[in-house]
Amino acid sequence: MSRFRRSRALPALTAVGVLLLVGCQDDADADADDQQRASEPIDDEADAAGQAPVEELEPRLPLDVDDLELVTPAEGVGPFPTLEWQAVPDAHRYHVSVIDGDGRATWAWTTSDTQVVLGGFEEPPEEHVRGPRLHAQMHWHVLARDADERVIAQSGLRPIAP
């Protein structure tokens, strides 16, 4: 296998590994009210700007944890969007995943910040730069972890399009 193929597979394998580890936690039974609340439209900055609210899907993992609010608009964000969310009290780090239309993790990142540019860039790069990018609608979500690496909050699965 070429070095290029291995390097492209690493983010997806990392995301799958994290999802498997998180899925093994004891408190995996989510409350039905939390599931319903996560599937309702959210009122965010896009709504305040006169746009329709974003329909956020249920969280990918059935955990009984706090909600994490995503801030980035669902569309019109370009190929290298800045993914941003609200801070969670006691969060030590955040794990961000971008999921393609087939449900496969295409990019993942761990950070202590409350935002990251798709691809891990410090700022959105020029169009010709190679790396992960949005070509079509995908979805993204964030998990917040405390200092002991326990998941303490998660977002719903939100659509995002260039």
Protein backbone atom coordinates (compact mmCIF):
# COMPACT_ATOMS: atom_id res chain seq x y z
CA MET A 1 0.00 0.00 0.00
CA SER A 2 1.37 3.40 -0.88
CA ARG A 3 2.14 6.04 1.72
CA PHE A 4 -0.56 8.29 0.17
CA ARG A 5 -3.30 5.72 0.73
CA ARG A 6 -2.30 5.14 4.35
CA SER A 7 -2.26 8.86 5.12
CA ARG A 8 -5.75 9.37 3.66
CA ALA A 9 -7.15 6.48 5.70
CA LEU A 10 -5.72 7.67 9.03
CA PRO A 11 -8.39 10.34 9.83
CA ALA A 12 -11.23 7.92 9.06
CA LEU A 13 -9.66 5.14 11.12
CA THR A 14 -9.07 7.55 14.01
CA ALA A 15 -12.71 8.68 13.94
CA VAL A 16 -14.00 5.10 13.84
CA GLY A 17 -11.74 4.17 16.77
CA VAL A 18 -12.98 7.10 18.84
CA LEU A 19 -16.61 6.31 18.02
CA LEU A 20 -16.10 2.68 19.06
CA LEU A 21 -14.46 3.69 22.35
CA VAL A 22 -17.16 6.21 23.15
CA GLY A 23 -19.87 3.71 22.25
CA CYS A 24 -18.58 1.38 24.99
CA GLN A 25 -19.33 3.78 27.85
CA ASP A 26 -21.69 2.60 30.59
CA ASP A 27 -24.20 5.44 30.27
CA ALA A 28 -25.15 4.64 26.66
CA ASP A 29 -28.94 4.84 27.19
CA ALA A 30 -30.11 8.29 26.09
CA ASP A 31 -33.28 9.84 27.44
CA ALA A 32 -36.14 9.97 24.89
CA ASP A 33 -36.71 13.67 25.61
CA ASP A 34 -33.06 14.43 24.82
CA GLN A 35 -33.36 12.56 21.53
CA GLN A 36 -36.51 14.52 20.59
CA ARG A 37 -34.92 17.85 21.57
CA ALA A 38 -31.82 17.09 19.47
CA SER A 39 -33.92 16.47 16.36
CA GLU A 40 -35.84 19.75 16.58
CA PRO A 41 -34.73 22.82 14.60
CA ILE A 42 -32.36 25.03 16.53
CA ASP A 43 -32.42 28.78 16.86
CA ASP A 44 -28.94 30.03 16.09
CA GLU A 45 -27.21 33.06 14.58
CA ALA A 46 -28.38 32.05 11.09
CA ASP A 47 -31.99 32.25 12.32
CA ALA A 48 -31.34 35.71 13.78
CA ALA A 49 -30.02 36.79 10.37
CA GLY A 50 -33.39 35.96 8.78
CA GLN A 51 -32.46 32.52 7.45
CA ALA A 52 -34.46 29.39 8.14
CA PRO A 53 -33.37 27.43 11.24
CA VAL A 54 -31.03 24.50 10.61
CA GLU A 55 -32.55 21.04 10.99
CA GLU A 56 -30.10 19.21 13.22
CA LEU A 57 -30.28 15.42 13.35
CA GLU A 58 -30.05 13.27 16.47
CA PRO A 59 -26.58 12.77 17.93
CA ARG A 60 -24.69 9.84 16.44
CA LEU A 61 -24.08 8.29 19.86
CA PRO A 62 -26.88 7.44 22.31
CA LEU A 63 -25.30 9.09 25.36
CA ASP A 64 -27.05 10.74 28.30
CA VAL A 65 -24.92 13.91 28.28
CA ASP A 66 -25.46 17.65 27.88
CA ASP A 67 -26.18 19.24 24.50
CA LEU A 68 -23.39 21.06 22.69
CA GLU A 69 -24.47 23.93 20.43
CA LEU A 70 -22.96 24.22 16.94
CA VAL A 71 -22.58 27.77 15.58
CA THR A 72 -21.36 27.41 11.96
CA PRO A 73 -24.13 27.96 9.36
CA ALA A 74 -25.33 24.92 7.42
CA GLU A 75 -24.59 26.29 3.96
CA GLY A 76 -22.61 28.89 2.09
CA VAL A 77 -19.44 28.18 4.08
CA GLY A 78 -17.07 27.40 1.17
CA PRO A 79 -14.76 24.41 0.74
CA PHE A 80 -12.73 25.07 3.92
CA PRO A 81 -15.28 26.17 6.54
CA THR A 82 -14.42 27.22 10.07
CA LEU A 83 -16.36 24.78 12.25
CA GLU A 84 -17.38 26.59 15.44
CA TRP A 85 -19.36 25.65 18.55
CA GLN A 86 -20.21 27.03 21.99
CA ALA A 87 -17.85 26.26 24.87
CA VAL A 88 -18.92 23.59 27.36
CA PRO A 89 -18.10 24.10 31.08
CA ASP A 90 -15.38 21.67 32.27
CA ALA A 91 -14.54 20.59 28.71
CA HIS A 92 -10.85 19.83 28.36
CA ARG A 93 -10.95 19.07 24.64
CA TYR A 94 -13.35 18.64 21.75
CA HIS A 95 -13.45 15.93 19.09
CA VAL A 96 -14.84 17.14 15.74
CA SER A 97 -15.92 14.73 12.98
CA VAL A 98 -17.08 15.39 9.43
CA ILE A 99 -19.25 12.65 7.90
CA ASP A 100 -19.88 12.13 4.17
CA GLY A 101 -23.25 11.37 2.55
CA ASP A 102 -22.70 7.62 3.03
CA GLY A 103 -22.16 7.99 6.79
CA ARG A 104 -18.37 7.54 6.64
CA ALA A 105 -16.07 9.72 8.74
CA THR A 106 -14.00 11.73 6.25
CA TRP A 107 -12.12 13.98 8.67
CA ALA A 108 -11.65 14.23 12.43
CA TRP A 109 -9.78 16.63 14.70
CA THR A 110 -9.20 17.03 18.43
CA THR A 111 -8.67 20.50 19.87
CA SER A 112 -9.00 22.50 23.07
CA ASP A 113 -10.39 25.46 21.06
CA THR A 114 -14.04 26.02 20.15
CA GLN A 115 -13.36 26.24 16.44
CA VAL A 116 -11.23 24.61 13.74
CA VAL A 117 -10.88 25.08 10.00
CA LEU A 118 -11.73 21.93 8.02
CA GLY A 119 -8.38 20.31 7.29
CA GLY A 120 -6.77 21.58 10.50
CA PHE A 121 -5.51 24.79 8.89
CA GLU A 122 -4.99 27.87 11.05
CA GLU A 123 -7.14 29.87 8.61
CA PRO A 124 -9.04 28.92 5.45
CA PRO A 125 -6.45 28.24 2.73
CA GLU A 126 -6.45 29.25 -0.93
CA GLU A 127 -8.71 27.22 -3.23
CA HIS A 128 -5.77 25.39 -4.85
CA VAL A 129 -4.47 23.94 -1.54
CA ARG A 130 -4.82 20.18 -1.24
CA GLY A 131 -6.53 18.66 1.76
CA PRO A 132 -9.96 17.77 3.11
CA ARG A 133 -12.66 20.08 1.73
CA LEU A 134 -16.40 20.28 1.25
CA HIS A 135 -17.40 19.33 -2.29
CA ALA A 136 -21.04 18.65 -1.45
CA GLN A 137 -23.28 18.54 1.59
CA MET A 138 -21.85 16.57 4.49
CA HIS A 139 -22.61 16.47 8.21
CA TRP A 140 -20.51 17.27 11.27
CA HIS A 141 -20.70 16.86 15.01
CA VAL A 142 -18.66 17.55 18.13
CA LEU A 143 -18.03 15.64 21.36
CA ALA A 144 -16.79 17.49 24.47
CA ARG A 145 -14.51 15.58 26.86
CA ASP A 146 -13.44 16.41 30.39
CA ALA A 147 -9.90 16.09 31.79
CA ASP A 148 -10.49 12.35 32.40
CA GLU A 149 -11.51 11.91 28.71
CA ARG A 150 -15.17 11.23 29.58
CA VAL A 151 -17.72 12.56 27.11
CA ILE A 152 -19.63 15.33 28.89
CA ALA A 153 -21.56 16.86 25.97
CA GLN A 154 -22.32 16.20 22.32
CA SER A 155 -23.94 18.02 19.45
CA GLY A 156 -26.48 16.71 17.04
CA LEU A 157 -25.42 15.79 13.54
CA ARG A 158 -25.60 19.02 11.51
CA PRO A 159 -25.57 19.38 7.73
CA ILE A 160 -22.94 21.60 6.15
CA ALA A 161 -22.53 22.56 2.49
CA PRO A 162 -20.15 24.78 0.55
